[in-house]
PDB file of N, CA and C in Angstrom:
ATOM      1  N   UNK A   1      23.277 -13.585   9.284  1.00  0.00           N
ATOM      2  CA  UNK A   1      23.462 -13.422   7.774  1.00  0.00           C
ATOM      3  C   UNK A   1      22.337 -13.723   7.060  1.00  0.00           C
ATOM      4  N   UNK A   2      21.454 -14.585   7.473  1.00  0.00           N
ATOM      5  CA  UNK A   2      20.297 -14.854   6.520  1.00  0.00           C
ATOM      6  C   UNK A   2      19.284 -13.590   6.824  1.00  0.00           C
ATOM      7  N   UNK A   3      19.199 -13.157   7.958  1.00  0.00           N
ATOM      8  CA  UNK A   3      18.213 -11.911   8.068  1.00  0.00           C
ATOM      9  C   UNK A   3      18.805 -10.777   7.095  1.00  0.00           C
ATOM     10  N   UNK A   4      19.994 -10.559   6.984  1.00  0.00           N
ATOM     11  CA  UNK A   4      20.644  -9.602   6.328  1.00  0.00           C
ATOM     12  C   UNK A   4      20.282  -9.555   4.756  1.00  0.00           C
ATOM     13  N   UNK A   5      20.301 -10.923   4.202  1.00  0.00           N
ATOM     14  CA  UNK A   5      19.946 -11.244   2.845  1.00  0.00           C
ATOM     15  C   UNK A   5      18.303 -11.155   2.544  1.00  0.00           C
ATOM     16  N   UNK A   6      17.535 -11.558   3.666  1.00  0.00           N
ATOM     17  CA  UNK A   6      16.211 -11.366   3.586  1.00  0.00           C
ATOM     18  C   UNK A   6      15.986  -9.864   3.543  1.00  0.00           C
ATOM     19  N   UNK A   7      16.676  -9.077   4.275  1.00  0.00           N
ATOM     20  CA  UNK A   7      16.369  -7.414   4.442  1.00  0.00           C
ATOM     21  C   UNK A   7      16.487  -7.057   3.036  1.00  0.00           C
ATOM     22  N   UNK A   8      17.580  -7.402   2.369  1.00  0.00           N
ATOM     23  CA  UNK A   8      18.181  -6.987   1.170  1.00  0.00           C
ATOM     24  C   UNK A   8      17.049  -7.160   0.067  1.00  0.00           C
ATOM     25  N   UNK A   9      16.448  -8.623   0.091  1.00  0.00           N
ATOM     26  CA  UNK A   9      15.588  -8.920  -0.763  1.00  0.00           C
ATOM     27  C   UNK A   9      14.291  -8.105  -0.720  1.00  0.00           C
ATOM     28  N   UNK A  10      13.766  -7.894   0.634  1.00  0.00           N
ATOM     29  CA  UNK A  10      12.611  -7.055   0.906  1.00  0.00           C
ATOM     30  C   UNK A  10      12.620  -5.705   0.332  1.00  0.00           C
ATOM     31  N   UNK A  11      13.800  -4.967   0.590  1.00  0.00           N
ATOM     32  CA  UNK A  11      14.208  -3.784   0.253  1.00  0.00           C
ATOM     33  C   UNK A  11      14.210  -3.593  -1.270  1.00  0.00           C
ATOM     34  N   UNK A  12      14.831  -4.796  -2.035  1.00  0.00           N
ATOM     35  CA  UNK A  12      14.741  -4.748  -3.350  1.00  0.00           C
ATOM     36  C   UNK A  12      13.334  -4.641  -3.951  1.00  0.00           C
ATOM     37  N   UNK A  13      12.603  -5.558  -3.368  1.00  0.00           N
ATOM     38  CA  UNK A  13      11.155  -5.656  -3.828  1.00  0.00           C
ATOM     39  C   UNK A  13      10.491  -4.220  -3.554  1.00  0.00           C
ATOM     40  N   UNK A  14      10.562  -3.645  -2.562  1.00  0.00           N
ATOM     41  CA  UNK A  14      10.007  -2.347  -2.286  1.00  0.00           C
ATOM     42  C   UNK A  14      10.258  -1.431  -3.288  1.00  0.00           C
ATOM     43  N   UNK A  15      11.610  -1.310  -3.530  1.00  0.00           N
ATOM     44  CA  UNK A  15      12.259  -0.459  -4.561  1.00  0.00           C
ATOM     45  C   UNK A  15      11.639  -0.594  -5.940  1.00  0.00           C
ATOM     46  N   UNK A  16      11.490  -1.899  -6.279  1.00  0.00           N
ATOM     47  CA  UNK A  16      11.147  -2.123  -7.796  1.00  0.00           C
ATOM     48  C   UNK A  16       9.447  -1.808  -7.757  1.00  0.00           C
ATOM     49  N   UNK A  17       8.673  -1.891  -6.493  1.00  0.00           N
ATOM     50  CA  UNK A  17       7.393  -1.668  -6.325  1.00  0.00           C
ATOM     51  C   UNK A  17       7.247  -0.190  -6.468  1.00  0.00           C
ATOM     52  N   UNK A  18       8.048   0.553  -5.876  1.00  0.00           N
ATOM     53  CA  UNK A  18       7.865   2.103  -6.065  1.00  0.00           C
ATOM     54  C   UNK A  18       8.012   2.655  -7.449  1.00  0.00           C
ATOM     55  N   UNK A  19       9.256   2.019  -8.042  1.00  0.00           N
ATOM     56  CA  UNK A  19       9.704   2.504  -9.443  1.00  0.00           C
ATOM     57  C   UNK A  19       8.536   2.079 -10.392  1.00  0.00           C
ATOM     58  N   UNK A  20       8.083   0.913 -10.200  1.00  0.00           N
ATOM     59  CA  UNK A  20       6.829   0.603 -11.214  1.00  0.00           C
ATOM     60  C   UNK A  20       5.711   1.513 -10.940  1.00  0.00           C
ATOM     61  N   UNK A  21       5.276   1.958  -9.912  1.00  0.00           N
ATOM     62  CA  UNK A  21       4.345   2.700  -9.429  1.00  0.00           C
ATOM     63  C   UNK A  21       4.465   4.297 -10.118  1.00  0.00           C
ATOM     64  N   UNK A  22       5.746   4.705  -9.927  1.00  0.00           N
ATOM     65  CA  UNK A  22       6.116   5.989 -10.655  1.00  0.00           C
ATOM     66  C   UNK A  22       6.153   5.773 -12.294  1.00  0.00           C
ATOM     67  N   UNK A  23       6.589   4.746 -12.785  1.00  0.00           N
ATOM     68  CA  UNK A  23       6.713   4.664 -14.169  1.00  0.00           C
ATOM     69  C   UNK A  23       5.226   4.565 -14.536  1.00  0.00           C
ATOM     70  N   UNK A  24       4.565   3.765 -14.154  1.00  0.00           N
ATOM     71  CA  UNK A  24       3.014   3.582 -14.616  1.00  0.00           C
ATOM     72  C   UNK A  24       2.134   4.686 -14.378  1.00  0.00           C
ATOM     73  N   UNK A  25       2.358   5.491 -13.342  1.00  0.00           N
ATOM     74  CA  UNK A  25       1.517   6.701 -12.930  1.00  0.00           C
ATOM     75  C   UNK A  25       2.062   7.884 -14.099  1.00  0.00           C
ATOM     76  N   UNK A  26       3.354   7.940 -14.273  1.00  0.00           N
ATOM     77  CA  UNK A  26       3.770   8.932 -15.309  1.00  0.00           C
ATOM     78  C   UNK A  26       3.235   8.586 -16.775  1.00  0.00           C
ATOM     79  N   UNK A  27       3.171   7.140 -17.018  1.00  0.00           N
ATOM     80  CA  UNK A  27       2.723   6.823 -18.176  1.00  0.00           C
ATOM     81  C   UNK A  27       1.257   6.983 -18.618  1.00  0.00           C
ATOM     82  N   UNK A  28       0.487   6.785 -17.417  1.00  0.00           N
ATOM     83  CA  UNK A  28      -0.898   7.089 -17.535  1.00  0.00           C
ATOM     84  C   UNK A  28      -1.097   8.614 -17.595  1.00  0.00           C
ATOM     85  N   UNK A  29      -0.421   9.469 -16.892  1.00  0.00           N
ATOM     86  CA  UNK A  29      -0.682  10.884 -16.823  1.00  0.00           C
ATOM     87  C   UNK A  29      -0.304  11.461 -18.319  1.00  0.00           C
ATOM     88  N   UNK A  30       0.593  10.819 -19.050  1.00  0.00           N
ATOM     89  CA  UNK A  30       0.834  11.322 -20.445  1.00  0.00           C
ATOM     90  C   UNK A  30      -0.152  10.605 -21.298  1.00  0.00           C
ATOM     91  N   UNK A  31      -0.484   9.361 -21.093  1.00  0.00           N
ATOM     92  CA  UNK A  31      -1.461   8.775 -22.014  1.00  0.00           C
ATOM     93  C   UNK A  31      -2.817   9.321 -21.979  1.00  0.00           C
ATOM     94  N   UNK A  32      -3.513   9.887 -20.755  1.00  0.00           N
ATOM     95  CA  UNK A  32      -4.657  10.409 -20.750  1.00  0.00           C
ATOM     96  C   UNK A  32      -4.813  11.706 -21.297  1.00  0.00           C
ATOM     97  N   UNK A  33      -5.598  11.825 -21.968  1.00  0.00           N
ATOM     98  CA  UNK A  33      -5.997  13.121 -22.630  1.00  0.00           C
ATOM     99  C   UNK A  33      -6.557  14.325 -21.657  1.00  0.00           C
ATOM    100  N   UNK A  34      -7.589  13.777 -20.873  1.00  0.00           N
ATOM    101  CA  UNK A  34      -8.072  14.731 -19.999  1.00  0.00           C
ATOM    102  C   UNK A  34      -8.301  13.786 -18.451  1.00  0.00           C
ATOM    103  N   UNK A  35      -8.825  14.591 -17.519  1.00  0.00           N
ATOM    104  CA  UNK A  35      -8.862  14.119 -16.158  1.00  0.00           C
ATOM    105  C   UNK A  35      -9.832  12.856 -15.923  1.00  0.00           C
ATOM    106  N   UNK A  36     -10.863  12.829 -16.769  1.00  0.00           N
ATOM    107  CA  UNK A  36     -11.733  11.844 -16.483  1.00  0.00           C
ATOM    108  C   UNK A  36     -11.165  10.548 -17.136  1.00  0.00           C
ATOM    109  N   UNK A  37     -10.507  10.555 -18.080  1.00  0.00           N
ATOM    110  CA  UNK A  37      -9.740   9.412 -18.652  1.00  0.00           C
ATOM    111  C   UNK A  37      -8.631   8.896 -17.614  1.00  0.00           C
ATOM    112  N   UNK A  38      -7.858   9.916 -17.103  1.00  0.00           N
ATOM    113  CA  UNK A  38      -6.848   9.667 -16.159  1.00  0.00           C
ATOM    114  C   UNK A  38      -7.554   8.773 -15.074  1.00  0.00           C
ATOM    115  N   UNK A  39      -8.614   9.261 -14.544  1.00  0.00           N
ATOM    116  CA  UNK A  39      -9.111   8.692 -13.340  1.00  0.00           C
ATOM    117  C   UNK A  39      -9.639   7.178 -13.722  1.00  0.00           C
ATOM    118  N   UNK A  40     -10.189   7.050 -14.943  1.00  0.00           N
ATOM    119  CA  UNK A  40     -10.815   5.714 -15.396  1.00  0.00           C
ATOM    120  C   UNK A  40      -9.586   4.725 -15.510  1.00  0.00           C
ATOM    121  N   UNK A  41      -8.481   5.265 -16.121  1.00  0.00           N
ATOM    122  CA  UNK A  41      -7.295   4.455 -16.409  1.00  0.00           C
ATOM    123  C   UNK A  41      -6.496   4.021 -15.125  1.00  0.00           C
ATOM    124  N   UNK A  42      -6.565   5.133 -14.214  1.00  0.00           N
ATOM    125  CA  UNK A  42      -5.811   4.714 -12.717  1.00  0.00           C
ATOM    126  C   UNK A  42      -6.561   3.910 -11.908  1.00  0.00           C
ATOM    127  N   UNK A  43      -7.913   3.953 -12.033  1.00  0.00           N
ATOM    128  CA  UNK A  43      -8.594   2.977 -11.136  1.00  0.00           C
ATOM    129  C   UNK A  43      -8.448   1.553 -11.727  1.00  0.00           C
ATOM    130  N   UNK A  44      -8.498   1.641 -13.228  1.00  0.00           N
ATOM    131  CA  UNK A  44      -8.433   0.113 -13.723  1.00  0.00           C
ATOM    132  C   UNK A  44      -7.049  -0.388 -13.345  1.00  0.00           C
ATOM    133  N   UNK A  45      -6.030   0.321 -13.849  1.00  0.00           N
ATOM    134  CA  UNK A  45      -4.953  -0.358 -14.079  1.00  0.00           C
ATOM    135  C   UNK A  45      -3.740  -0.101 -12.700  1.00  0.00           C
ATOM    136  N   UNK A  46      -3.998   0.768 -11.876  1.00  0.00           N
ATOM    137  CA  UNK A  46      -3.185   1.219 -10.758  1.00  0.00           C
ATOM    138  C   UNK A  46      -3.922   1.039  -9.313  1.00  0.00           C
ATOM    139  N   UNK A  47      -5.239   1.028  -9.305  1.00  0.00           N
ATOM    140  CA  UNK A  47      -5.756   0.711  -8.061  1.00  0.00           C
ATOM    141  C   UNK A  47      -5.842   2.067  -7.328  1.00  0.00           C
ATOM    142  N   UNK A  48      -5.748   3.100  -7.936  1.00  0.00           N
ATOM    143  CA  UNK A  48      -5.632   4.380  -7.267  1.00  0.00           C
ATOM    144  C   UNK A  48      -6.759   5.337  -7.846  1.00  0.00           C
ATOM    145  N   UNK A  49      -7.110   6.568  -7.263  1.00  0.00           N
ATOM    146  CA  UNK A  49      -8.072   7.413  -7.730  1.00  0.00           C
ATOM    147  C   UNK A  49      -7.566   8.206  -9.281  1.00  0.00           C
ATOM    148  N   UNK A  50      -6.259   8.491  -9.096  1.00  0.00           N
ATOM    149  CA  UNK A  50      -5.585   9.222 -10.038  1.00  0.00           C
ATOM    150  C   UNK A  50      -4.294   8.734 -10.338  1.00  0.00           C
ATOM    151  N   UNK A  51      -3.579   9.189 -11.428  1.00  0.00           N
ATOM    152  CA  UNK A  51      -2.273   8.613 -11.574  1.00  0.00           C
ATOM    153  C   UNK A  51      -0.997   9.245 -10.550  1.00  0.00           C
ATOM    154  N   UNK A  52      -1.580  10.652 -10.120  1.00  0.00           N
ATOM    155  CA  UNK A  52      -0.738  11.462  -9.025  1.00  0.00           C
ATOM    156  C   UNK A  52      -0.806  10.506  -7.896  1.00  0.00           C
ATOM    157  N   UNK A  53      -1.803   9.997  -7.443  1.00  0.00           N
ATOM    158  CA  UNK A  53      -1.779   9.084  -6.389  1.00  0.00           C
ATOM    159  C   UNK A  53      -0.801   7.963  -6.249  1.00  0.00           C
ATOM    160  N   UNK A  54      -0.711   7.275  -7.492  1.00  0.00           N
ATOM    161  CA  UNK A  54       0.248   6.380  -7.733  1.00  0.00           C
ATOM    162  C   UNK A  54       1.496   6.755  -7.621  1.00  0.00           C
ATOM    163  N   UNK A  55       1.903   8.077  -8.244  1.00  0.00           N
ATOM    164  CA  UNK A  55       3.184   8.577  -8.329  1.00  0.00           C
ATOM    165  C   UNK A  55       3.749   8.763  -6.563  1.00  0.00           C
ATOM    166  N   UNK A  56       2.832   9.259  -5.928  1.00  0.00           N
ATOM    167  CA  UNK A  56       3.112   9.696  -4.505  1.00  0.00           C
ATOM    168  C   UNK A  56       3.265   8.419  -3.728  1.00  0.00           C
ATOM    169  N   UNK A  57       2.528   7.185  -3.938  1.00  0.00           N
ATOM    170  CA  UNK A  57       2.751   6.091  -3.309  1.00  0.00           C
ATOM    171  C   UNK A  57       4.330   5.491  -3.690  1.00  0.00           C
ATOM    172  N   UNK A  58       4.613   5.698  -4.838  1.00  0.00           N
ATOM    173  CA  UNK A  58       5.812   5.072  -5.428  1.00  0.00           C
ATOM    174  C   UNK A  58       6.896   5.845  -4.633  1.00  0.00           C
ATOM    175  N   UNK A  59       6.857   7.156  -4.491  1.00  0.00           N
ATOM    176  CA  UNK A  59       7.621   7.913  -3.966  1.00  0.00           C
ATOM    177  C   UNK A  59       7.814   7.766  -2.325  1.00  0.00           C
ATOM    178  N   UNK A  60       6.714   7.580  -1.890  1.00  0.00           N
ATOM    179  CA  UNK A  60       6.586   7.206  -0.302  1.00  0.00           C
ATOM    180  C   UNK A  60       7.382   5.820   0.010  1.00  0.00           C
ATOM    181  N   UNK A  61       7.296   4.953  -1.058  1.00  0.00           N
ATOM    182  CA  UNK A  61       7.688   3.511  -0.756  1.00  0.00           C
ATOM    183  C   UNK A  61       9.351   3.682  -0.812  1.00  0.00           C
ATOM    184  N   UNK A  62       9.831   4.491  -1.770  1.00  0.00           N
ATOM    185  CA  UNK A  62      11.259   4.765  -1.920  1.00  0.00           C
ATOM    186  C   UNK A  62      11.676   5.659  -0.703  1.00  0.00           C
ATOM    187  N   UNK A  63      11.035   6.466  -0.058  1.00  0.00           N
ATOM    188  CA  UNK A  63      11.340   7.182   1.008  1.00  0.00           C
ATOM    189  C   UNK A  63      11.247   6.612   2.353  1.00  0.00           C
ATOM    190  N   UNK A  64      10.648   5.562   2.300  1.00  0.00           N
ATOM    191  CA  UNK A  64      10.500   4.684   3.439  1.00  0.00           C
ATOM    192  C   UNK A  64      11.741   3.827   3.594  1.00  0.00           C
ATOM    193  N   UNK A  65      12.460   3.619   2.630  1.00  0.00           N
ATOM    194  CA  UNK A  65      13.746   2.959   2.696  1.00  0.00           C
ATOM    195  C   UNK A  65      14.950   3.777   3.227  1.00  0.00           C
ATOM    196  N   UNK A  66      14.735   4.974   2.758  1.00  0.00           N
ATOM    197  CA  UNK A  66      15.777   5.975   3.239  1.00  0.00           C
ATOM    198  C   UNK A  66      16.034   6.331   4.530  1.00  0.00           C
ATOM    199  N   UNK A  67      14.805   6.084   5.364  1.00  0.00           N
ATOM    200  CA  UNK A  67      14.795   6.381   6.686  1.00  0.00           C
ATOM    201  C   UNK A  67      15.762   5.462   7.422  1.00  0.00           C
TER     202      UNK A  67
END
């Protein structure tokens, strides 16, 4: 029973991480006027090269749970 609860908590954290990555990636994509600004903001706030990479990581986190 405790392993099931622990698994649910871990799954919930991964889903939240994925949703936040997608939300912040889309936010930076719309906020940045050009690609150079996109790269600067993504490196500073997301830890990825572009906002698109952050969106992909968020989708992959969600897809990992669906397997």
